[in-house]
Structures are given as C-alpha cells and as structure tokens.
Amino acid sequence: MAYASTNIARVVDQINSSLFLPAIQRPYVWETSQITALFDSLLKGYPISSFLFWELDSSRRGDWEIYKFIDNFRQGGMHNELAETDGRDVTLVLDGQQRLTSLLIGLRGT
C-alpha cells in the first residue's frame, strides 16, 4: 500500500470525477458545527488526518454499487445518488467521507 501526500484542492477536484463512495459507507451525518470546526482547523494549520482510498480494478467495477458525494447540503433526509462512472478510473473512499463531503459542500457546493 502506497502513501502519497496531496492538497485539498487536488482532492476536491477529484470528487465525483474519479473519487466516489462505496455502498458500504454510512450516510453523511455531520452537523453544521462539525463543518465549521473542520474549516477552523484548516485555517489554523492543524492536520485533518489521512484518507483511505481504494483504487477499484476496472474489471470489478460492476461488482460494486458506487455513489456520488453529496454536494448540495440539506438538513436531514440526504441520500447519495448512484454514480455513473462511464468507464472512468474509480477510486473509492473508505475513510474520510465526512471530511471530504464537508470540504466539497464548503468550497464548491451549496
């Protein structure tokens, strides 16, 4: 297993393009205060831990239900949509969904 560092802009650019969620992930559950605390930590230069990604072999893509990240925040009742990957390379997020969804909502979403 390889470790690679990156930056937030690069990861956010990959969300719903090559980064998706497996069906085994729980729904997005963070409250507004948790999103605020994440951005506060970033602005103070604190680490926000690592993410765990799974590069899905293209021959096995059909074996898994793959979901998009939520990018339009609504309090309660949110559910991720199934993703259409259209033959693209797919990397699934096994750890970091709450943080990545919060970053997506805060930087590019609604």
C-alpha atoms as a PDB file:
ATOM      1  CA  MET A   1       0.000   0.000   0.000  1.00  0.00           C
ATOM      2  CA  ALA A   2       1.434   3.332  -1.044  1.00  0.00           C
ATOM      3  CA  TYR A   3       1.196   6.605   0.835  1.00  0.00           C
ATOM      4  CA  ALA A   4       1.047   9.859  -1.098  1.00  0.00           C
ATOM      5  CA  SER A   5       0.517  13.392   0.086  1.00  0.00           C
ATOM      6  CA  THR A   6      -1.655  15.835  -1.808  1.00  0.00           C
ATOM      7  CA  ASN A   7      -3.526  19.057  -1.193  1.00  0.00           C
ATOM      8  CA  ILE A   8      -7.177  19.828  -0.594  1.00  0.00           C
ATOM      9  CA  ALA A   9      -7.714  21.483  -3.979  1.00  0.00           C
ATOM     10  CA  ARG A  10      -6.491  18.402  -5.844  1.00  0.00           C
ATOM     11  CA  VAL A  11      -8.661  16.030  -3.820  1.00  0.00           C
ATOM     12  CA  VAL A  12     -11.769  18.211  -4.110  1.00  0.00           C
ATOM     13  CA  ASP A  13     -11.225  18.337  -7.908  1.00  0.00           C
ATOM     14  CA  GLN A  14     -11.385  14.523  -7.966  1.00  0.00           C
ATOM     15  CA  ILE A  15     -14.643  14.211  -6.021  1.00  0.00           C
ATOM     16  CA  ASN A  16     -17.452  12.860  -8.237  1.00  0.00           C
ATOM     17  CA  SER A  17     -14.971  12.669 -11.096  1.00  0.00           C
ATOM     18  CA  SER A  18     -12.721   9.800 -10.009  1.00  0.00           C
ATOM     19  CA  LEU A  19     -13.393   9.718  -6.240  1.00  0.00           C
ATOM     20  CA  PHE A  20     -16.645   8.065  -5.240  1.00  0.00           C
ATOM     21  CA  LEU A  21     -18.217   6.240  -2.316  1.00  0.00           C
ATOM     22  CA  PRO A  22     -18.852   2.514  -1.959  1.00  0.00           C
ATOM     23  CA  ALA A  23     -22.293   1.346  -0.853  1.00  0.00           C
ATOM     24  CA  ILE A  24     -20.793   0.234   2.463  1.00  0.00           C
ATOM     25  CA  GLN A  25     -20.369   3.853   3.589  1.00  0.00           C
ATOM     26  CA  ARG A  26     -22.859   5.302   6.040  1.00  0.00           C
ATOM     27  CA  PRO A  27     -24.780   8.438   5.021  1.00  0.00           C
ATOM     28  CA  TYR A  28     -23.363  11.917   5.510  1.00  0.00           C
ATOM     29  CA  VAL A  29     -24.171  12.845   9.109  1.00  0.00           C
ATOM     30  CA  TRP A  30     -22.065  15.864  10.057  1.00  0.00           C
ATOM     31  CA  GLU A  31     -23.771  18.845  11.616  1.00  0.00           C
ATOM     32  CA  THR A  32     -23.032  22.446  10.647  1.00  0.00           C
ATOM     33  CA  SER A  33     -20.875  22.883  13.765  1.00  0.00           C
ATOM     34  CA  GLN A  34     -18.633  19.988  12.676  1.00  0.00           C
ATOM     35  CA  ILE A  35     -18.171  21.511   9.213  1.00  0.00           C
ATOM     36  CA  THR A  36     -17.259  24.821  10.853  1.00  0.00           C
ATOM     37  CA  ALA A  37     -14.759  23.076  13.153  1.00  0.00           C
ATOM     38  CA  LEU A  38     -13.113  21.354  10.164  1.00  0.00           C
ATOM     39  CA  PHE A  39     -12.594  24.661   8.352  1.00  0.00           C
ATOM     40  CA  ASP A  40     -11.420  26.281  11.586  1.00  0.00           C
ATOM     41  CA  SER A  41      -8.793  23.538  11.974  1.00  0.00           C
ATOM     42  CA  LEU A  42      -7.614  24.039   8.408  1.00  0.00           C
ATOM     43  CA  LEU A  43      -7.329  27.804   8.822  1.00  0.00           C
ATOM     44  CA  LYS A  44      -5.262  27.280  11.966  1.00  0.00           C
ATOM     45  CA  GLY A  45      -2.954  24.908  10.087  1.00  0.00           C
ATOM     46  CA  TYR A  46      -3.925  21.816  12.054  1.00  0.00           C
ATOM     47  CA  PRO A  47      -3.746  18.404  10.360  1.00  0.00           C
ATOM     48  CA  ILE A  48      -7.080  16.811   9.474  1.00  0.00           C
ATOM     49  CA  SER A  49      -5.740  13.249   9.388  1.00  0.00           C
ATOM     50  CA  SER A  50      -5.373  10.970   6.408  1.00  0.00           C
ATOM     51  CA  PHE A  51      -7.839   9.454   3.978  1.00  0.00           C
ATOM     52  CA  LEU A  52      -8.087   5.820   2.966  1.00  0.00           C
ATOM     53  CA  PHE A  53      -8.697   5.226  -0.744  1.00  0.00           C
ATOM     54  CA  TRP A  54      -9.328   2.007  -2.666  1.00  0.00           C
ATOM     55  CA  GLU A  55      -8.374   2.040  -6.339  1.00  0.00           C
ATOM     56  CA  LEU A  56     -11.022  -0.176  -7.872  1.00  0.00           C
ATOM     57  CA  ASP A  57      -9.894  -2.571 -10.564  1.00  0.00           C
ATOM     58  CA  SER A  58     -11.858  -1.773 -13.736  1.00  0.00           C
ATOM     59  CA  SER A  59     -12.725  -5.438 -14.259  1.00  0.00           C
ATOM     60  CA  ARG A  60     -14.517  -5.472 -10.872  1.00  0.00           C
ATOM     61  CA  ARG A  61     -16.337  -2.120 -11.208  1.00  0.00           C
ATOM     62  CA  GLY A  62     -19.641  -3.845 -11.971  1.00  0.00           C
ATOM     63  CA  ASP A  63     -19.418  -5.795  -8.713  1.00  0.00           C
ATOM     64  CA  TRP A  64     -19.968  -2.709  -6.572  1.00  0.00           C
ATOM     65  CA  GLU A  65     -22.633  -0.076  -6.144  1.00  0.00           C
ATOM     66  CA  ILE A  66     -20.865   3.258  -6.427  1.00  0.00           C
ATOM     67  CA  TYR A  67     -22.289   6.525  -5.110  1.00  0.00           C
ATOM     68  CA  LYS A  68     -21.608  10.200  -5.669  1.00  0.00           C
ATOM     69  CA  PHE A  69     -20.696  12.587  -2.889  1.00  0.00           C
ATOM     70  CA  ILE A  70     -23.443  14.963  -1.758  1.00  0.00           C
ATOM     71  CA  ASP A  71     -22.668  18.490  -2.909  1.00  0.00           C
ATOM     72  CA  ASN A  72     -25.947  20.245  -2.077  1.00  0.00           C
ATOM     73  CA  PHE A  73     -26.480  20.333   1.675  1.00  0.00           C
ATOM     74  CA  ARG A  74     -29.963  19.975   3.137  1.00  0.00           C
ATOM     75  CA  GLN A  75     -30.500  19.383   6.826  1.00  0.00           C
ATOM     76  CA  GLY A  76     -31.843  15.841   7.226  1.00  0.00           C
ATOM     77  CA  GLY A  77     -33.032  13.384   4.633  1.00  0.00           C
ATOM     78  CA  MET A  78     -29.996  13.493   2.351  1.00  0.00           C
ATOM     79  CA  HIS A  79     -29.110  10.382   0.382  1.00  0.00           C
ATOM     80  CA  ASN A  80     -26.262   9.872  -2.041  1.00  0.00           C
ATOM     81  CA  GLU A  81     -27.113   9.275  -5.704  1.00  0.00           C
ATOM     82  CA  LEU A  82     -25.817   6.303  -7.635  1.00  0.00           C
ATOM     83  CA  ALA A  83     -22.831   7.320  -9.761  1.00  0.00           C
ATOM     84  CA  GLU A  84     -22.452   6.753 -13.480  1.00  0.00           C
ATOM     85  CA  THR A  85     -18.726   6.194 -13.886  1.00  0.00           C
ATOM     86  CA  ASP A  86     -18.843   5.720 -17.694  1.00  0.00           C
ATOM     87  CA  GLY A  87     -15.644   3.664 -17.837  1.00  0.00           C
ATOM     88  CA  ARG A  88     -13.575   6.173 -15.856  1.00  0.00           C
ATOM     89  CA  ASP A  89     -10.957   5.094 -13.340  1.00  0.00           C
ATOM     90  CA  VAL A  90     -12.641   4.851  -9.967  1.00  0.00           C
ATOM     91  CA  THR A  91     -11.172   5.295  -6.512  1.00  0.00           C
ATOM     92  CA  LEU A  92     -13.468   4.614  -3.571  1.00  0.00           C
ATOM     93  CA  VAL A  93     -13.209   6.472  -0.279  1.00  0.00           C
ATOM     94  CA  LEU A  94     -13.090   4.052   2.642  1.00  0.00           C
ATOM     95  CA  ASP A  95     -12.188   6.618   5.316  1.00  0.00           C
ATOM     96  CA  GLY A  96     -12.757  10.346   5.037  1.00  0.00           C
ATOM     97  CA  GLN A  97     -16.246  10.667   3.591  1.00  0.00           C
ATOM     98  CA  GLN A  98     -17.475  13.086   6.276  1.00  0.00           C
ATOM     99  CA  ARG A  99     -14.456  15.386   5.906  1.00  0.00           C
ATOM    100  CA  LEU A 100     -14.420  15.238   2.103  1.00  0.00           C
ATOM    101  CA  THR A 101     -18.160  15.869   1.813  1.00  0.00           C
ATOM    102  CA  SER A 102     -17.806  18.820   4.191  1.00  0.00           C
ATOM    103  CA  LEU A 103     -14.948  20.239   2.130  1.00  0.00           C
ATOM    104  CA  LEU A 104     -16.951  19.794  -1.080  1.00  0.00           C
ATOM    105  CA  ILE A 105     -20.021  21.491   0.396  1.00  0.00           C
ATOM    106  CA  GLY A 106     -17.981  24.318   1.914  1.00  0.00           C
ATOM    107  CA  LEU A 107     -15.801  25.027  -1.118  1.00  0.00           C
ATOM    108  CA  ARG A 108     -17.931  24.152  -4.137  1.00  0.00           C
ATOM    109  CA  GLY A 109     -21.387  23.116  -3.035  1.00  0.00           C
ATOM    110  CA  THR A 110     -24.490  24.734  -1.707  1.00  0.00           C
END
